Amino acid sequence: MPFSFKTVNQQSQIVEDTLRRYIYTTPKSFLELIKLFKSMLSKKVKHLSDAKEKYELGVIKLNDTSEMVAELEASLKVSSVEVEKIKAAADEQAKIVGAEKEIVDAEAEKANAESAKCAIIATNVAAEMESVQKDLDAALPAVEKAEAALGGLQVKDFQMLKALNNPPAAVNQTFHAVLHLLSGVSPDVPVDKKGRLNVENPWKASLKLMSNPTAFMNTLIAFKGEIDADKVKAGNFAAIQETLKQEDFTPESLRTKSSAAAGLCDWIINITVYYNVFVSVEPKKAKAAAAKLELEAANEKKATMEAMVADLMAKLAILQADF
């Protein structure tokens, strides 16, 4: 305070010397000075207090932030480990899905190839069966002629023949051929152990067949079915080839001797034509049967592969859903 008094007096003296003006200092002036000092001191204290408070708050926030950062760093480390585990599991799952998909694609390709194979076999089977049916259809006119020949026979025609003990050679030859064809088919025709005709007197055996004309006719009518069922031996037709080659073995030639023999001759010729066609298609039928078996096996394999592919697709779908 004395310093202030001294300074004011010095400045008052300078003003007096310079301006010729005398400045008075009173106790009030010093009181105002003290008041000013106190006001300035209060402001300074408040400023410092505010600065201190801000600093303390800043320190607190910095500490809180440091703690939060530390927590975040710790959490990030844990999350990073979890992410790495999940990523590793995802990569492993992706490998499994990829491997399963490759298996599915490979098996599906095999199944498609098997389907194509089945389609080709089915086409071949259809072609073979169509060819067989076409050949058999071509032989139907011969069957119709054979049936027509039988349709023209009358019971009385056989009754007339039954009265003959020694028929014409052509008639005997015709019935002999019939016996050959019915060997192993009709129980009334005697055969040896190999199923071949075994008679000493063909005409006597023929008379036995004609003892029941209706049954005899039914046996002849059913003969085509026996051929279709593959119950007629090839030797039966082989045994009558020499007879068929004879020029006078015709319905027209035999009609002058016996209408029954003429009808049987016509039947023999036409049923032989049908048999020859039937035999000619046997290789085709065998081929078609083999193709059918192959087709069944292929279809079974195809069904198995399709079921396996469906199972693999279902498993793949589950893996993809989990992935």
Protein backbone atom coordinates (compact mmCIF):
# COMPACT_ATOMS: atom_id res chain seq x y z
CA MET A 1 0.00 0.00 0.00
CA PRO A 2 2.79 2.53 0.78
CA PHE A 3 4.14 1.76 -2.68
CA SER A 4 0.87 2.87 -4.18
CA PHE A 5 0.88 6.03 -2.14
CA LYS A 6 4.40 6.84 -3.27
CA THR A 7 3.57 6.14 -6.91
CA VAL A 8 0.47 8.37 -6.84
CA ASN A 9 2.42 11.21 -5.30
CA GLN A 10 5.15 10.89 -7.92
CA GLN A 11 2.62 10.95 -10.74
CA SER A 12 0.82 13.92 -9.16
CA GLN A 13 4.09 15.83 -9.04
CA ILE A 14 4.75 15.08 -12.72
CA VAL A 15 1.27 16.37 -13.65
CA GLU A 16 1.82 19.51 -11.56
CA ASP A 17 5.21 20.16 -13.15
CA THR A 18 3.95 19.54 -16.63
CA LEU A 19 0.45 20.91 -16.64
CA ARG A 20 0.61 23.22 -13.62
CA ARG A 21 -2.29 21.33 -12.15
CA TYR A 22 -2.40 20.09 -8.64
CA ILE A 23 -3.93 16.70 -8.00
CA TYR A 24 -5.33 15.95 -4.61
CA THR A 25 -5.28 12.49 -3.07
CA THR A 26 -7.71 11.74 -0.31
CA PRO A 27 -8.45 8.72 1.83
CA LYS A 28 -11.40 8.04 -0.46
CA SER A 29 -9.07 7.63 -3.38
CA PHE A 30 -7.23 4.99 -1.54
CA LEU A 31 -10.49 3.36 -0.51
CA GLU A 32 -11.52 3.23 -4.22
CA LEU A 33 -8.16 1.75 -5.00
CA ILE A 34 -8.66 -0.90 -2.39
CA LYS A 35 -12.14 -1.56 -3.77
CA LEU A 36 -10.74 -1.86 -7.30
CA PHE A 37 -8.04 -4.20 -6.03
CA LYS A 38 -10.55 -6.36 -4.29
CA SER A 39 -12.76 -6.48 -7.43
CA MET A 40 -9.81 -7.44 -9.60
CA LEU A 41 -8.66 -9.98 -7.06
CA SER A 42 -12.13 -11.51 -6.92
CA LYS A 43 -12.25 -11.80 -10.72
CA LYS A 44 -8.81 -13.34 -10.79
CA VAL A 45 -9.72 -15.81 -8.08
CA LYS A 46 -12.92 -16.73 -9.92
CA HIS A 47 -11.01 -17.12 -13.18
CA LEU A 48 -8.47 -19.37 -11.52
CA SER A 49 -11.21 -21.33 -9.76
CA ASP A 50 -13.05 -21.85 -13.05
CA ALA A 51 -9.82 -22.90 -14.75
CA LYS A 52 -9.09 -25.29 -11.91
CA GLU A 53 -12.61 -26.76 -12.12
CA LYS A 54 -12.32 -27.19 -15.88
CA TYR A 55 -8.96 -28.84 -15.47
CA GLU A 56 -10.28 -31.21 -12.83
CA LEU A 57 -13.29 -32.08 -15.02
CA GLY A 58 -10.95 -32.59 -17.98
CA VAL A 59 -8.76 -34.90 -15.91
CA ILE A 60 -11.83 -36.88 -14.82
CA LYS A 61 -13.06 -37.18 -18.41
CA LEU A 62 -9.59 -38.20 -19.55
CA ASN A 63 -9.48 -40.86 -16.87
CA ASP A 64 -12.97 -42.08 -17.79
CA THR A 65 -12.03 -42.10 -21.45
CA SER A 66 -8.87 -44.04 -20.71
CA GLU A 67 -10.89 -46.63 -18.80
CA MET A 68 -13.43 -46.88 -21.63
CA VAL A 69 -10.65 -47.24 -24.18
CA ALA A 70 -9.06 -49.96 -22.07
CA GLU A 71 -12.37 -51.78 -21.81
CA LEU A 72 -12.95 -51.41 -25.56
CA GLU A 73 -9.45 -52.72 -26.27
CA ALA A 74 -10.06 -55.73 -24.01
CA SER A 75 -13.45 -56.34 -25.60
CA LEU A 76 -11.93 -55.96 -29.06
CA LYS A 77 -9.29 -58.56 -28.24
CA VAL A 78 -12.00 -61.00 -27.09
CA SER A 79 -14.09 -60.20 -30.16
CA SER A 80 -11.08 -60.66 -32.42
CA VAL A 81 -10.52 -64.13 -30.96
CA GLU A 82 -14.19 -64.98 -31.46
CA VAL A 83 -14.13 -63.61 -34.99
CA GLU A 84 -11.08 -65.72 -35.79
CA LYS A 85 -12.83 -68.81 -34.41
CA ILE A 86 -15.97 -68.07 -36.41
CA LYS A 87 -13.90 -67.36 -39.52
CA ALA A 88 -11.99 -70.64 -39.08
CA ALA A 89 -15.26 -72.53 -38.59
CA ALA A 90 -16.75 -70.81 -41.65
CA ASP A 91 -13.70 -71.69 -43.73
CA GLU A 92 -13.92 -75.31 -42.61
CA GLN A 93 -17.65 -75.36 -43.35
CA ALA A 94 -16.99 -73.87 -46.76
CA LYS A 95 -14.51 -76.66 -47.48
CA ILE A 96 -17.07 -79.28 -46.42
CA VAL A 97 -19.82 -77.65 -48.50
CA GLY A 98 -17.50 -77.40 -51.49
CA ALA A 99 -16.45 -81.04 -51.18
CA GLU A 100 -20.05 -82.20 -50.79
CA LYS A 101 -21.11 -80.10 -53.77
CA GLU A 102 -18.40 -81.69 -55.89
CA ILE A 103 -19.66 -85.13 -54.85
CA VAL A 104 -23.27 -84.14 -55.62
CA ASP A 105 -22.30 -82.72 -59.01
CA ALA A 106 -20.29 -85.83 -59.88
CA GLU A 107 -23.09 -88.20 -58.85
CA ALA A 108 -25.69 -86.06 -60.63
CA GLU A 109 -23.58 -86.25 -63.79
CA LYS A 110 -23.42 -90.04 -63.42
CA ALA A 111 -27.20 -90.17 -62.91
CA ASN A 112 -27.74 -88.04 -66.02
CA ALA A 113 -25.45 -90.33 -68.00
CA GLU A 114 -27.39 -93.36 -66.71
CA SER A 115 -30.67 -91.66 -67.71
CA ALA A 116 -29.32 -91.10 -71.21
CA LYS A 117 -28.20 -94.73 -71.33
CA CYS A 118 -31.68 -95.87 -70.24
CA ALA A 119 -33.26 -93.74 -72.95
CA ILE A 120 -31.01 -95.32 -75.60
CA ILE A 121 -31.74 -98.84 -74.34
CA ALA A 122 -35.47 -98.10 -74.23
CA THR A 123 -35.32 -96.86 -77.82
CA ASN A 124 -33.47 -100.01 -78.87
CA VAL A 125 -35.97 -102.25 -77.08
CA ALA A 126 -38.88 -100.45 -78.73
CA ALA A 127 -37.18 -100.79 -82.14
CA GLU A 128 -36.52 -104.52 -81.62
CA MET A 129 -40.07 -105.18 -80.46
CA GLU A 130 -41.46 -103.18 -83.35
CA SER A 131 -39.34 -105.20 -85.77
CA VAL A 132 -40.48 -108.49 -84.18
CA GLN A 133 -44.11 -107.43 -84.30
CA LYS A 134 -43.75 -106.30 -87.89
CA ASP A 135 -42.38 -109.71 -88.90
CA LEU A 136 -45.10 -111.52 -86.97
CA ASP A 137 -47.76 -109.29 -88.51
CA ALA A 138 -46.39 -110.20 -91.94
CA ALA A 139 -46.98 -113.88 -91.05
CA LEU A 140 -50.59 -113.34 -89.97
CA PRO A 141 -51.99 -113.96 -93.46
CA ALA A 142 -50.44 -117.44 -93.33
CA VAL A 143 -52.08 -118.03 -89.96
CA GLU A 144 -55.40 -116.82 -91.33
CA LYS A 145 -55.05 -119.21 -94.25
CA ALA A 146 -54.22 -122.06 -91.87
CA GLU A 147 -57.26 -121.26 -89.75
CA ALA A 148 -59.41 -120.96 -92.86
CA ALA A 149 -58.18 -124.38 -93.96
CA LEU A 150 -59.24 -125.85 -90.63
CA GLY A 151 -62.53 -123.99 -90.79
CA GLY A 152 -63.37 -125.78 -93.99
CA LEU A 153 -63.00 -129.24 -92.45
CA GLN A 154 -66.09 -131.21 -91.52
CA VAL A 155 -66.47 -134.03 -89.01
CA LYS A 156 -67.93 -136.21 -91.73
CA ASP A 157 -64.69 -135.82 -93.71
CA PHE A 158 -62.77 -137.50 -90.89
CA GLN A 159 -65.47 -140.13 -90.46
CA MET A 160 -65.03 -141.11 -94.10
CA LEU A 161 -61.26 -141.49 -93.59
CA LYS A 162 -61.78 -143.61 -90.46
CA ALA A 163 -63.39 -146.23 -92.67
CA LEU A 164 -60.15 -146.64 -94.68
CA ASN A 165 -57.70 -149.31 -93.59
CA ASN A 166 -55.26 -148.55 -96.39
CA PRO A 167 -55.60 -144.90 -97.49
CA PRO A 168 -53.89 -143.38 -100.56
CA ALA A 169 -50.18 -142.72 -100.05
CA ALA A 170 -50.63 -138.93 -100.26
CA VAL A 171 -53.31 -139.04 -97.56
CA ASN A 172 -51.16 -141.24 -95.35
CA GLN A 173 -48.22 -138.90 -95.91
CA THR A 174 -50.32 -135.89 -94.93
CA PHE A 175 -51.43 -137.44 -91.66
CA HIS A 176 -47.89 -138.63 -91.05
CA ALA A 177 -46.78 -134.99 -91.30
CA VAL A 178 -49.51 -133.99 -88.84
CA LEU A 179 -48.25 -136.62 -86.39
CA HIS A 180 -44.74 -135.17 -86.64
CA LEU A 181 -46.02 -131.66 -85.91
CA LEU A 182 -48.07 -132.80 -82.91
CA SER A 183 -45.23 -134.82 -81.37
CA GLY A 184 -44.75 -133.65 -77.80
CA VAL A 185 -47.83 -131.43 -78.13
CA SER A 186 -50.68 -133.95 -78.17
CA PRO A 187 -50.64 -136.74 -75.59
CA ASP A 188 -52.29 -139.00 -78.19
CA VAL A 189 -49.14 -138.99 -80.37
CA PRO A 190 -46.52 -141.60 -79.29
CA VAL A 191 -42.99 -140.21 -78.92
CA ASP A 192 -39.60 -141.51 -77.83
CA LYS A 193 -37.46 -140.21 -74.96
CA LYS A 194 -36.26 -137.33 -77.12
CA GLY A 195 -39.81 -136.28 -77.98
CA ARG A 196 -39.66 -137.55 -81.57
CA LEU A 197 -42.50 -139.41 -83.28
CA ASN A 198 -42.32 -143.11 -82.45
CA VAL A 199 -44.88 -145.18 -84.41
CA GLU A 200 -44.64 -148.26 -86.61
CA ASN A 201 -47.97 -147.61 -88.28
CA PRO A 202 -48.60 -143.88 -88.81
CA TRP A 203 -52.08 -144.43 -90.17
CA LYS A 204 -53.15 -146.39 -87.11
CA ALA A 205 -51.93 -143.54 -84.91
CA SER A 206 -53.79 -141.09 -87.16
CA LEU A 207 -57.01 -143.06 -86.76
CA LYS A 208 -56.59 -142.75 -83.01
CA LEU A 209 -56.39 -138.95 -83.37
CA MET A 210 -59.48 -138.93 -85.58
CA SER A 211 -61.46 -141.05 -83.10
CA ASN A 212 -62.56 -137.71 -81.62
CA PRO A 213 -62.69 -135.30 -84.57
CA THR A 214 -63.70 -132.32 -82.42
CA ALA A 215 -60.79 -132.77 -80.01
CA PHE A 216 -58.45 -133.28 -82.97
CA MET A 217 -59.63 -130.03 -84.56
CA ASN A 218 -59.23 -128.14 -81.28
CA THR A 219 -55.65 -129.42 -80.99
CA LEU A 220 -54.88 -128.11 -84.48
CA ILE A 221 -56.54 -124.77 -83.78
CA ALA A 222 -54.51 -124.37 -80.57
CA PHE A 223 -51.25 -125.31 -82.33
CA LYS A 224 -50.36 -121.68 -83.12
CA GLY A 225 -50.54 -120.91 -79.40
CA GLU A 226 -48.15 -123.79 -78.75
CA ILE A 227 -45.73 -122.25 -81.26
CA ASP A 228 -46.07 -118.83 -79.62
CA ALA A 229 -45.38 -120.44 -76.24
CA ASP A 230 -42.27 -122.06 -77.74
CA LYS A 231 -43.57 -125.54 -76.91
CA VAL A 232 -43.09 -126.99 -80.41
CA LYS A 233 -39.68 -128.47 -81.08
CA ALA A 234 -37.75 -127.49 -84.18
CA GLY A 235 -37.38 -131.19 -84.99
CA ASN A 236 -41.13 -131.45 -85.57
CA PHE A 237 -40.92 -129.12 -88.56
CA ALA A 238 -37.56 -130.51 -89.67
CA ALA A 239 -39.20 -133.96 -89.97
CA ILE A 240 -41.73 -132.74 -92.58
CA GLN A 241 -39.38 -130.80 -94.84
CA GLU A 242 -39.10 -133.62 -97.37
CA THR A 243 -42.89 -133.83 -97.55
CA LEU A 244 -43.21 -130.09 -98.12
CA LYS A 245 -40.72 -130.25 -100.99
CA GLN A 246 -42.83 -132.71 -102.96
CA GLU A 247 -44.56 -131.09 -105.91
CA ASP A 248 -47.81 -133.00 -105.43
CA PHE A 249 -48.12 -131.97 -101.78
CA THR A 250 -50.71 -129.30 -102.46
CA PRO A 251 -54.33 -128.84 -101.38
CA GLU A 252 -55.42 -129.02 -105.03
CA SER A 253 -53.69 -132.37 -105.59
CA LEU A 254 -55.02 -133.88 -102.34
CA ARG A 255 -58.56 -132.61 -102.81
CA THR A 256 -59.19 -135.32 -105.42
CA LYS A 257 -58.34 -137.94 -102.79
CA SER A 258 -59.70 -136.47 -99.55
CA SER A 259 -61.13 -133.08 -98.64
CA ALA A 260 -59.93 -133.61 -95.06
CA ALA A 261 -56.37 -134.33 -96.26
CA ALA A 262 -56.51 -131.29 -98.58
CA GLY A 263 -57.52 -129.06 -95.64
CA LEU A 264 -54.77 -130.52 -93.47
CA CYS A 265 -52.26 -130.03 -96.28
CA ASP A 266 -53.24 -126.37 -96.55
CA TRP A 267 -52.96 -126.02 -92.78
CA ILE A 268 -49.52 -127.70 -92.69
CA ILE A 269 -48.13 -125.44 -95.42
CA ASN A 270 -49.36 -122.20 -93.83
CA ILE A 271 -48.57 -123.10 -90.22
CA THR A 272 -45.05 -123.94 -91.43
CA VAL A 273 -44.79 -120.48 -92.99
CA TYR A 274 -45.82 -118.95 -89.67
CA TYR A 275 -43.37 -121.14 -87.76
CA ASN A 276 -40.52 -120.14 -90.05
CA VAL A 277 -41.29 -116.48 -89.42
CA PHE A 278 -41.60 -117.15 -85.69
CA VAL A 279 -38.22 -118.86 -85.65
CA SER A 280 -36.65 -116.09 -87.74
CA VAL A 281 -37.66 -113.50 -85.17
CA GLU A 282 -36.40 -115.57 -82.25
CA PRO A 283 -32.95 -113.92 -82.33
CA LYS A 284 -34.68 -110.54 -82.38
CA LYS A 285 -36.91 -111.57 -79.48
CA ALA A 286 -33.92 -112.86 -77.56
CA LYS A 287 -32.10 -109.61 -78.25
CA ALA A 288 -35.14 -107.63 -77.19
CA ALA A 289 -35.48 -109.74 -74.02
CA ALA A 290 -31.81 -109.20 -73.21
CA ALA A 291 -32.25 -105.49 -73.87
CA LYS A 292 -35.27 -105.46 -71.55
CA LEU A 293 -33.21 -107.06 -68.80
CA GLU A 294 -30.47 -104.54 -69.44
CA LEU A 295 -33.04 -101.75 -69.33
CA GLU A 296 -34.46 -103.05 -66.04
CA ALA A 297 -30.96 -103.21 -64.55
CA ALA A 298 -30.17 -99.73 -65.89
CA ASN A 299 -33.45 -98.34 -64.54
CA GLU A 300 -32.76 -99.91 -61.16
CA LYS A 301 -29.26 -98.44 -61.14
CA LYS A 302 -30.68 -95.11 -62.28
CA ALA A 303 -33.27 -95.14 -59.47
CA THR A 304 -30.55 -95.98 -56.93
CA MET A 305 -28.33 -93.17 -58.19
CA GLU A 306 -31.20 -90.68 -58.25
CA ALA A 307 -32.10 -91.62 -54.67
CA MET A 308 -28.45 -91.19 -53.66
CA VAL A 309 -28.28 -87.80 -55.43
CA ALA A 310 -31.50 -86.72 -53.71
CA ASP A 311 -30.04 -87.74 -50.34
CA LEU A 312 -26.80 -85.88 -51.07
CA MET A 313 -28.75 -82.80 -52.21
CA ALA A 314 -30.72 -82.85 -48.95
CA LYS A 315 -27.50 -83.07 -46.92
CA LEU A 316 -25.95 -80.30 -49.02
CA ALA A 317 -28.99 -78.11 -48.45
CA ILE A 318 -28.60 -78.58 -44.68
CA LEU A 319 -24.89 -77.71 -44.87
CA GLN A 320 -25.60 -74.64 -46.99
CA ALA A 321 -28.31 -73.54 -44.57
CA ASP A 322 -25.90 -73.87 -41.64
CA PHE A 323 -23.21 -72.09 -43.65
